[in-house]
């Protein structure tokens, strides 16, 4: 994209930024700083190491119409946390913050036990534009509180969803989080989740990515002393879909544990990227961390770029990582076919079994049921 083209695009974003309703002074200051940060950064290119395999030029050159939600009355507690955790050096986070109007805030009091899942649904209806949406979610979970949160993203038509979720877990809190991306296959989806986890907190997040023409998701968690974090993901892409998952698990204090499992299924000419980084700080002795990325490639034209990373600055730790890329097992295919199962059905069964490992870890029954239906339909179509 030419320099002139980039300048013209930034000018369009500036006009939309300036036509927003004025916010409270403290929020307006956050938005203004973020927009100037975005103009400094610009849209990332493949020359940026973090975006080497994901070309966002189709987003950068599209003249999106920013859909501005009505300003929400933000709880005072949000003021302490909003825009404090998601990395502002991420250009799309800066862009989201610049258009920060309505914020979905869920605050769970200390010691509360919330039985039913908290559902957060962001759905885009087909409309002219194409539109750009910037959903912002802030989850504040008090000490010793227990809760389950389900975020869903879906829509129809061509649009951009640029979402940011910040999670603050108090000491000893137990949080089970799910994020399901089932956007239109004409849509773009950029998402960021950043979690700050208190002492001895137990946090799990499951990132399911099925839709969008181009999807990129960054998951980050900073662990305190004795924190346990589970970071799981499942991505299934076909046709010309592109999905990119970046994770950063930051062990900042001792006695933390993290377990990460991402599984991907690729078909057609799809392209998937996985970049998982585990950081163990100098003070984070007795860290126990395991990271695994497994990929099932169903087509000769599908491509996976996987890069697990360990950055260890402490000596008394136990850390492992690994990645695998494979195809359907020929012996298993033969076994199923020898028992009268057709080749197509055998392929579907084995593919489903590969994904089932992640689905079985989902504790919300209604979500698990709906995902099983989606997967069955997806694999049955192959």
Protein backbone atom coordinates (compact mmCIF):
# COMPACT_ATOMS: atom_id res chain seq x y z
CA UNK A 1 0.00 0.00 0.00
CA UNK A 2 1.46 3.39 -0.97
CA UNK A 3 2.36 6.11 1.52
CA UNK A 4 -0.37 8.27 0.03
CA UNK A 5 -2.88 5.46 0.45
CA UNK A 6 -1.90 4.98 4.08
CA UNK A 7 -2.22 8.72 4.76
CA UNK A 8 -5.66 8.78 3.17
CA UNK A 9 -6.78 5.83 5.29
CA UNK A 10 -5.50 7.41 8.50
CA UNK A 11 -7.32 10.60 7.54
CA UNK A 12 -10.58 8.63 7.29
CA UNK A 13 -10.03 7.11 10.73
CA UNK A 14 -9.24 10.59 12.09
CA UNK A 15 -12.54 11.98 10.79
CA UNK A 16 -14.46 9.16 12.46
CA UNK A 17 -12.46 9.66 15.67
CA UNK A 18 -13.23 13.37 15.77
CA UNK A 19 -16.96 12.89 15.15
CA UNK A 20 -17.40 10.76 18.28
CA UNK A 21 -19.43 12.23 21.09
CA UNK A 22 -17.27 13.84 23.73
CA UNK A 23 -16.58 11.54 26.68
CA UNK A 24 -15.82 12.31 30.32
CA UNK A 25 -12.44 14.08 30.56
CA UNK A 26 -10.56 11.04 31.93
CA UNK A 27 -11.95 8.79 29.21
CA UNK A 28 -11.40 11.38 26.49
CA UNK A 29 -7.76 11.58 27.55
CA UNK A 30 -7.40 7.79 27.22
CA UNK A 31 -9.05 7.82 23.78
CA UNK A 32 -6.94 10.70 22.47
CA UNK A 33 -3.68 9.16 23.66
CA UNK A 34 -4.66 5.86 22.05
CA UNK A 35 -5.51 7.45 18.71
CA UNK A 36 -2.19 9.27 18.56
CA UNK A 37 -0.51 5.99 19.46
CA UNK A 38 -2.35 4.31 16.59
CA UNK A 39 -1.27 7.00 14.11
CA UNK A 40 2.33 6.51 15.26
CA UNK A 41 2.12 2.75 14.87
CA UNK A 42 -0.07 2.54 11.77
CA UNK A 43 -1.39 -0.79 10.59
CA UNK A 44 1.19 -3.56 11.06
CA UNK A 45 2.93 -5.02 8.03
CA UNK A 46 4.62 -8.34 7.42
CA UNK A 47 7.94 -6.59 8.09
CA UNK A 48 6.90 -6.59 11.76
CA UNK A 49 8.07 -9.88 13.32
CA UNK A 50 4.83 -10.25 15.30
CA UNK A 51 2.82 -10.01 12.06
CA UNK A 52 5.23 -11.78 9.73
CA UNK A 53 2.72 -14.38 8.58
CA UNK A 54 -0.44 -12.26 8.73
CA UNK A 55 -1.04 -9.60 6.10
CA UNK A 56 -3.66 -7.11 7.27
CA UNK A 57 -3.49 -5.03 4.08
CA UNK A 58 -7.11 -6.05 3.22
CA UNK A 59 -8.15 -4.35 6.48
CA UNK A 60 -5.89 -1.34 6.05
CA UNK A 61 -7.10 -0.54 2.55
CA UNK A 62 -10.83 -0.95 3.26
CA UNK A 63 -12.75 2.24 3.92
CA UNK A 64 -14.66 1.08 7.00
CA UNK A 65 -17.53 3.00 8.53
CA UNK A 66 -16.99 3.04 12.27
CA UNK A 67 -20.14 2.10 14.14
CA UNK A 68 -20.09 4.00 17.39
CA UNK A 69 -22.04 2.59 20.29
CA UNK A 70 -23.77 4.97 22.65
CA UNK A 71 -21.44 6.09 25.46
CA UNK A 72 -22.06 3.97 28.54
CA UNK A 73 -22.03 5.13 32.12
CA UNK A 74 -18.87 3.44 33.28
CA UNK A 75 -18.75 2.22 36.88
CA UNK A 76 -16.17 3.95 39.02
CA UNK A 77 -14.40 0.61 39.49
CA UNK A 78 -13.81 0.50 35.73
CA UNK A 79 -11.87 3.74 35.85
CA UNK A 80 -9.19 2.02 37.93
CA UNK A 81 -8.73 -0.80 35.40
CA UNK A 82 -9.84 0.31 31.95
CA UNK A 83 -7.01 0.39 29.38
CA UNK A 84 -4.47 -0.56 32.04
CA UNK A 85 -3.63 -4.10 30.86
CA UNK A 86 -4.19 -4.62 27.13
CA UNK A 87 -0.91 -3.68 25.37
CA UNK A 88 -1.19 -0.22 23.83
CA UNK A 89 1.75 -0.95 21.55
CA UNK A 90 -0.58 -3.32 19.70
CA UNK A 91 -1.99 -1.15 16.89
CA UNK A 92 -5.45 -2.73 16.95
CA UNK A 93 -5.68 -2.38 20.73
CA UNK A 94 -4.81 1.30 20.35
CA UNK A 95 -7.48 1.61 17.64
CA UNK A 96 -10.07 -0.08 19.84
CA UNK A 97 -9.22 2.23 22.73
CA UNK A 98 -9.45 5.29 20.48
CA UNK A 99 -13.06 4.34 19.67
CA UNK A 100 -13.87 3.37 23.22
CA UNK A 101 -17.49 4.31 23.85
CA UNK A 102 -19.72 1.57 25.14
CA UNK A 103 -17.96 -0.81 27.50
CA UNK A 104 -19.36 -4.12 28.68
CA UNK A 105 -18.39 -4.28 32.36
CA UNK A 106 -18.99 -7.25 34.64
CA UNK A 107 -17.90 -6.85 38.24
CA UNK A 108 -18.10 -9.88 40.53
CA UNK A 109 -17.92 -9.01 44.24
CA UNK A 110 -15.35 -10.63 46.47
CA UNK A 111 -16.43 -14.05 47.66
CA UNK A 112 -19.40 -14.30 45.27
CA UNK A 113 -20.20 -17.67 43.70
CA UNK A 114 -21.95 -17.10 40.36
CA UNK A 115 -23.56 -20.38 39.31
CA UNK A 116 -24.86 -19.52 35.83
CA UNK A 117 -22.47 -18.55 33.01
CA UNK A 118 -22.28 -14.85 32.21
CA UNK A 119 -23.08 -14.58 28.48
CA UNK A 120 -21.61 -11.75 26.40
CA UNK A 121 -22.79 -11.78 22.79
CA UNK A 122 -21.49 -9.50 20.04
CA UNK A 123 -23.42 -10.07 16.81
CA UNK A 124 -23.16 -8.02 13.63
CA UNK A 125 -26.12 -7.80 11.25
CA UNK A 126 -25.46 -7.48 7.52
CA UNK A 127 -25.32 -3.79 6.58
CA UNK A 128 -23.80 -1.39 4.11
CA UNK A 129 -20.54 0.26 4.88
CA UNK A 130 -18.68 -1.97 5.41
CA UNK A 131 -18.86 -1.35 9.16
CA UNK A 132 -16.15 -1.59 11.80
CA UNK A 133 -17.00 -2.45 15.39
CA UNK A 134 -14.75 -2.08 18.44
CA UNK A 135 -16.28 -4.12 21.29
CA UNK A 136 -14.64 -3.52 24.66
CA UNK A 137 -15.12 -5.85 27.61
CA UNK A 138 -13.85 -5.42 31.17
CA UNK A 139 -14.17 -8.27 33.66
CA UNK A 140 -13.37 -7.49 37.29
CA UNK A 141 -13.48 -10.54 39.53
CA UNK A 142 -13.08 -10.00 43.26
CA UNK A 143 -10.97 -12.06 45.62
CA UNK A 144 -12.29 -15.58 46.30
CA UNK A 145 -15.07 -15.15 43.70
CA UNK A 146 -16.06 -17.94 41.29
CA UNK A 147 -17.59 -17.35 37.87
CA UNK A 148 -17.87 -18.57 34.28
CA UNK A 149 -17.86 -16.18 31.32
CA UNK A 150 -18.75 -16.92 27.69
CA UNK A 151 -17.93 -14.40 24.94
CA UNK A 152 -19.42 -15.03 21.50
CA UNK A 153 -18.69 -13.20 18.25
CA UNK A 154 -20.83 -13.76 15.15
CA UNK A 155 -22.34 -11.90 12.23
CA UNK A 156 -23.24 -11.79 8.57
CA UNK A 157 -21.77 -9.88 5.65
CA UNK A 158 -18.42 -8.09 5.36
CA UNK A 159 -17.21 -6.14 8.38
CA UNK A 160 -14.41 -5.72 10.90
CA UNK A 161 -14.65 -6.76 14.52
CA UNK A 162 -11.76 -5.34 16.55
CA UNK A 163 -12.36 -6.57 20.10
CA UNK A 164 -10.45 -6.12 23.36
CA UNK A 165 -11.16 -7.89 26.64
CA UNK A 166 -9.35 -7.08 29.88
CA UNK A 167 -9.65 -9.46 32.83
CA UNK A 168 -8.67 -8.68 36.41
CA UNK A 169 -8.75 -11.66 38.81
CA UNK A 170 -8.45 -11.07 42.52
CA UNK A 171 -6.49 -13.32 44.86
CA UNK A 172 -7.77 -16.91 44.97
CA UNK A 173 -10.49 -16.16 42.38
CA UNK A 174 -11.60 -19.04 40.13
CA UNK A 175 -12.55 -17.98 36.59
CA UNK A 176 -13.54 -20.19 33.67
CA UNK A 177 -13.58 -18.14 30.45
CA UNK A 178 -14.62 -19.08 26.91
CA UNK A 179 -14.36 -17.13 23.68
CA UNK A 180 -16.12 -18.38 20.55
CA UNK A 181 -15.43 -16.69 17.21
CA UNK A 182 -17.97 -17.67 14.52
CA UNK A 183 -17.84 -14.58 12.35
CA UNK A 184 -19.05 -14.40 8.76
CA UNK A 185 -16.62 -15.91 6.27
CA UNK A 186 -16.43 -12.48 4.61
CA UNK A 187 -15.51 -10.72 7.88
CA UNK A 188 -12.25 -9.73 9.55
CA UNK A 189 -11.76 -10.47 13.24
CA UNK A 190 -8.99 -9.01 15.41
CA UNK A 191 -9.15 -9.80 19.11
CA UNK A 192 -7.08 -9.31 22.24
CA UNK A 193 -7.51 -10.81 25.70
CA UNK A 194 -5.22 -9.67 28.49
CA UNK A 195 -5.56 -11.07 32.00
CA UNK A 196 -3.97 -9.88 35.24
CA UNK A 197 -4.16 -12.77 37.69
CA UNK A 198 -3.95 -12.38 41.45
CA UNK A 199 -2.14 -14.53 43.97
CA UNK A 200 -3.27 -18.19 43.97
CA UNK A 201 -5.95 -17.40 41.38
CA UNK A 202 -7.14 -20.15 39.05
CA UNK A 203 -7.89 -18.91 35.54
CA UNK A 204 -8.74 -20.88 32.42
CA UNK A 205 -9.59 -19.58 28.97
CA UNK A 206 -10.66 -21.51 25.87
CA UNK A 207 -10.42 -19.75 22.52
CA UNK A 208 -12.49 -21.35 19.73
CA UNK A 209 -11.95 -19.89 16.24
CA UNK A 210 -14.16 -21.18 13.43
CA UNK A 211 -15.18 -18.20 11.27
CA UNK A 212 -13.84 -15.06 9.52
CA UNK A 213 -11.85 -14.70 6.31
CA UNK A 214 -8.95 -13.38 8.38
CA UNK A 215 -8.73 -13.80 12.15
CA UNK A 216 -5.98 -12.80 14.56
CA UNK A 217 -6.17 -13.29 18.29
CA UNK A 218 -3.69 -12.33 21.00
CA UNK A 219 -4.02 -13.93 24.44
CA UNK A 220 -1.90 -12.66 27.31
CA UNK A 221 -1.80 -13.50 31.00
CA UNK A 222 0.42 -12.23 33.81
CA UNK A 223 0.63 -14.65 36.72
CA UNK A 224 1.24 -13.82 40.38
CA UNK A 225 2.59 -16.10 43.09
CA UNK A 226 0.89 -19.49 43.16
CA UNK A 227 -1.34 -18.67 40.18
CA UNK A 228 -2.57 -21.47 37.92
CA UNK A 229 -3.53 -20.67 34.33
CA UNK A 230 -4.93 -22.90 31.59
CA UNK A 231 -4.82 -21.46 28.05
CA UNK A 232 -6.51 -23.68 25.46
CA UNK A 233 -7.50 -23.08 21.85
CA UNK A 234 -9.07 -24.76 18.85
CA UNK A 235 -8.97 -23.32 15.33
CA UNK A 236 -10.61 -24.89 12.31
CA UNK A 237 -10.10 -23.28 8.90
CA UNK A 238 -10.78 -24.24 5.30
CA UNK A 239 -11.04 -22.62 1.87
CA UNK A 240 -8.83 -19.54 1.90
CA UNK A 241 -9.35 -18.72 5.59
CA UNK A 242 -6.43 -17.36 7.61
CA UNK A 243 -6.17 -17.63 11.41
CA UNK A 244 -3.34 -16.40 13.62
CA UNK A 245 -3.05 -17.11 17.36
CA UNK A 246 -0.41 -15.41 19.47
CA UNK A 247 -0.14 -16.19 23.19
CA UNK A 248 2.09 -14.76 25.91
CA UNK A 249 2.09 -16.37 29.36
CA UNK A 250 4.15 -14.23 31.73
CA UNK A 251 5.27 -15.92 34.95
CA UNK A 252 6.11 -12.84 37.00
CA UNK A 253 6.24 -14.49 40.45
CA UNK A 254 7.26 -17.86 41.93
CA UNK A 255 5.22 -21.08 42.26
CA UNK A 256 3.06 -20.39 39.21
CA UNK A 257 1.76 -23.08 36.85
CA UNK A 258 0.50 -22.79 33.30
CA UNK A 259 -0.80 -25.39 30.88
CA UNK A 260 -1.42 -24.53 27.25
CA UNK A 261 -2.90 -26.70 24.50
CA UNK A 262 -3.79 -25.32 21.07
CA UNK A 263 -5.09 -27.62 18.33
CA UNK A 264 -5.68 -26.69 14.71
CA UNK A 265 -7.42 -28.36 11.76
CA UNK A 266 -6.62 -27.03 8.27
CA UNK A 267 -8.22 -27.86 4.95
CA UNK A 268 -8.32 -26.36 1.45
CA UNK A 269 -5.85 -23.52 1.00
CA UNK A 270 -6.17 -22.35 4.57
CA UNK A 271 -3.27 -20.80 6.47
CA UNK A 272 -2.84 -20.98 10.25
CA UNK A 273 -0.26 -19.36 12.50
CA UNK A 274 0.54 -20.24 16.11
CA UNK A 275 3.08 -18.29 18.12
CA UNK A 276 3.20 -19.18 21.81
CA UNK A 277 5.60 -17.49 24.18
CA UNK A 278 6.25 -18.43 27.80
CA UNK A 279 8.21 -15.89 29.84
CA UNK A 280 9.70 -16.84 33.23
CA UNK A 281 10.93 -13.77 35.10
CA UNK A 282 14.05 -13.87 37.34
CA UNK A 283 11.95 -14.01 40.52
CA UNK A 284 9.62 -16.74 39.21
CA UNK A 285 11.36 -19.75 40.74
CA UNK A 286 9.43 -23.06 41.00
CA UNK A 287 7.50 -22.29 37.81
CA UNK A 288 5.82 -25.23 36.11
CA UNK A 289 4.77 -24.57 32.53
CA UNK A 290 3.81 -26.75 29.59
CA UNK A 291 2.86 -25.63 26.08
CA UNK A 292 1.66 -27.84 23.22
CA UNK A 293 0.49 -27.03 19.69
CA UNK A 294 -0.91 -29.85 17.54
CA UNK A 295 -2.07 -29.45 13.96
CA UNK A 296 -3.99 -31.73 11.62
CA UNK A 297 -3.51 -30.85 7.95
CA UNK A 298 -6.13 -32.31 5.62
CA UNK A 299 -4.95 -30.77 2.36
CA UNK A 300 -1.67 -30.51 0.44
CA UNK A 301 -2.38 -26.80 -0.08
CA UNK A 302 -2.94 -25.86 3.57
CA UNK A 303 -0.06 -24.18 5.45
CA UNK A 304 0.75 -23.97 9.16
CA UNK A 305 3.47 -21.79 10.68
CA UNK A 306 4.04 -22.69 14.33
CA UNK A 307 6.59 -21.21 16.71
CA UNK A 308 6.60 -22.16 20.40
CA UNK A 309 9.01 -20.04 22.45
CA UNK A 310 10.48 -20.18 25.95
CA UNK A 311 12.18 -17.19 27.57
CA UNK A 312 13.50 -18.43 30.90
CA UNK A 313 15.32 -16.09 33.30
CA UNK A 314 15.14 -18.32 36.39
CA UNK A 315 16.98 -21.58 37.10
CA UNK A 316 14.62 -23.62 39.29
CA UNK A 317 11.81 -24.22 36.82
CA UNK A 318 10.15 -26.99 34.84
CA UNK A 319 9.12 -25.84 31.36
CA UNK A 320 8.36 -27.80 28.20
CA UNK A 321 7.00 -26.93 24.80
CA UNK A 322 6.38 -28.68 21.53
CA UNK A 323 4.54 -28.57 18.24
CA UNK A 324 3.33 -31.27 15.86
CA UNK A 325 1.99 -31.18 12.32
CA UNK A 326 0.42 -34.30 10.91
CA UNK A 327 -2.15 -35.83 8.61
CA UNK A 328 -4.90 -38.33 9.25
CA UNK A 329 -3.47 -41.64 10.35
CA UNK A 330 -3.56 -44.12 7.45
CA UNK A 331 -3.89 -47.13 9.76
CA UNK A 332 -6.89 -45.62 11.53
CA UNK A 333 -8.49 -44.80 8.18
CA UNK A 334 -7.92 -48.38 7.02
CA UNK A 335 -9.31 -49.80 10.27
CA UNK A 336 -12.55 -47.80 10.01
CA UNK A 337 -12.99 -48.57 6.31
CA UNK A 338 -12.41 -52.29 6.93
CA UNK A 339 -15.43 -52.16 9.24
CA UNK A 340 -17.72 -50.82 6.56
CA UNK A 341 -17.33 -47.07 7.20
CA UNK A 342 -16.98 -45.07 4.00
CA UNK A 343 -13.81 -43.07 3.37
CA UNK A 344 -15.56 -39.70 3.76
CA UNK A 345 -17.24 -40.73 7.04
CA UNK A 346 -14.01 -42.24 8.35
CA UNK A 347 -12.20 -38.97 7.59
CA UNK A 348 -14.91 -37.00 9.40
CA UNK A 349 -14.81 -39.28 12.45
CA UNK A 350 -11.04 -39.02 12.86
CA UNK A 351 -11.08 -35.26 12.33
CA UNK A 352 -13.85 -34.86 14.88
CA UNK A 353 -11.93 -37.03 17.37
CA UNK A 354 -8.90 -34.73 17.00
CA UNK A 355 -11.04 -31.69 17.90
CA UNK A 356 -12.98 -33.50 20.62
CA UNK A 357 -10.00 -33.33 22.97
CA UNK A 358 -10.52 -29.57 23.33
CA UNK A 359 -14.33 -29.69 23.25
CA UNK A 360 -14.36 -32.18 26.13
CA UNK A 361 -12.57 -29.61 28.31
CA UNK A 362 -15.49 -27.18 28.01
CA UNK A 363 -17.50 -27.27 31.23
CA UNK A 364 -20.52 -25.26 30.02
CA UNK A 365 -22.92 -27.92 28.75
CA UNK A 366 -24.91 -25.67 26.40
CA UNK A 367 -21.72 -24.33 24.82
CA UNK A 368 -20.26 -27.80 24.43
CA UNK A 369 -23.47 -29.05 22.82
CA UNK A 370 -23.61 -26.17 20.33
CA UNK A 371 -19.95 -26.62 19.41
CA UNK A 372 -20.41 -30.34 18.91
CA UNK A 373 -23.28 -29.60 16.53
CA UNK A 374 -21.15 -27.03 14.65
CA UNK A 375 -18.23 -29.43 14.37
CA UNK A 376 -20.41 -32.31 13.24
CA UNK A 377 -21.93 -30.15 10.49
CA UNK A 378 -18.51 -28.82 9.49
CA UNK A 379 -16.86 -32.22 9.23
CA UNK A 380 -19.88 -33.93 7.74
CA UNK A 381 -19.65 -31.45 4.83
CA UNK A 382 -16.07 -32.49 3.97
